[in-house]
């Protein structure tokens, strides 16, 4: 078994309202020029063991789809690499 490190980014779908992002946008616009929009999401790092990279990616995909993200409101993307 090899140890892998996954980085997962979860964000609200563009059609879903983001009140936290709107609040941060307004706060930043008061102090910084050029801020157009902020969308708030989640960043997750996890380590796991799997027999190979493809199975590690399959596990992470399943975790995202079934536990970590709400597929109705959120989208996700991830990277998986062997941990050195």
Foldseek 3Di string as FASTA:
>chain_A
DFKKKKKKKKFWDPVDDAVVFVVVLVVVVVPDPDRDTGTDTDIDMDMDDDPDDVVVVVVVVCCCPPPVDDVVTMDMDMDMDTDD
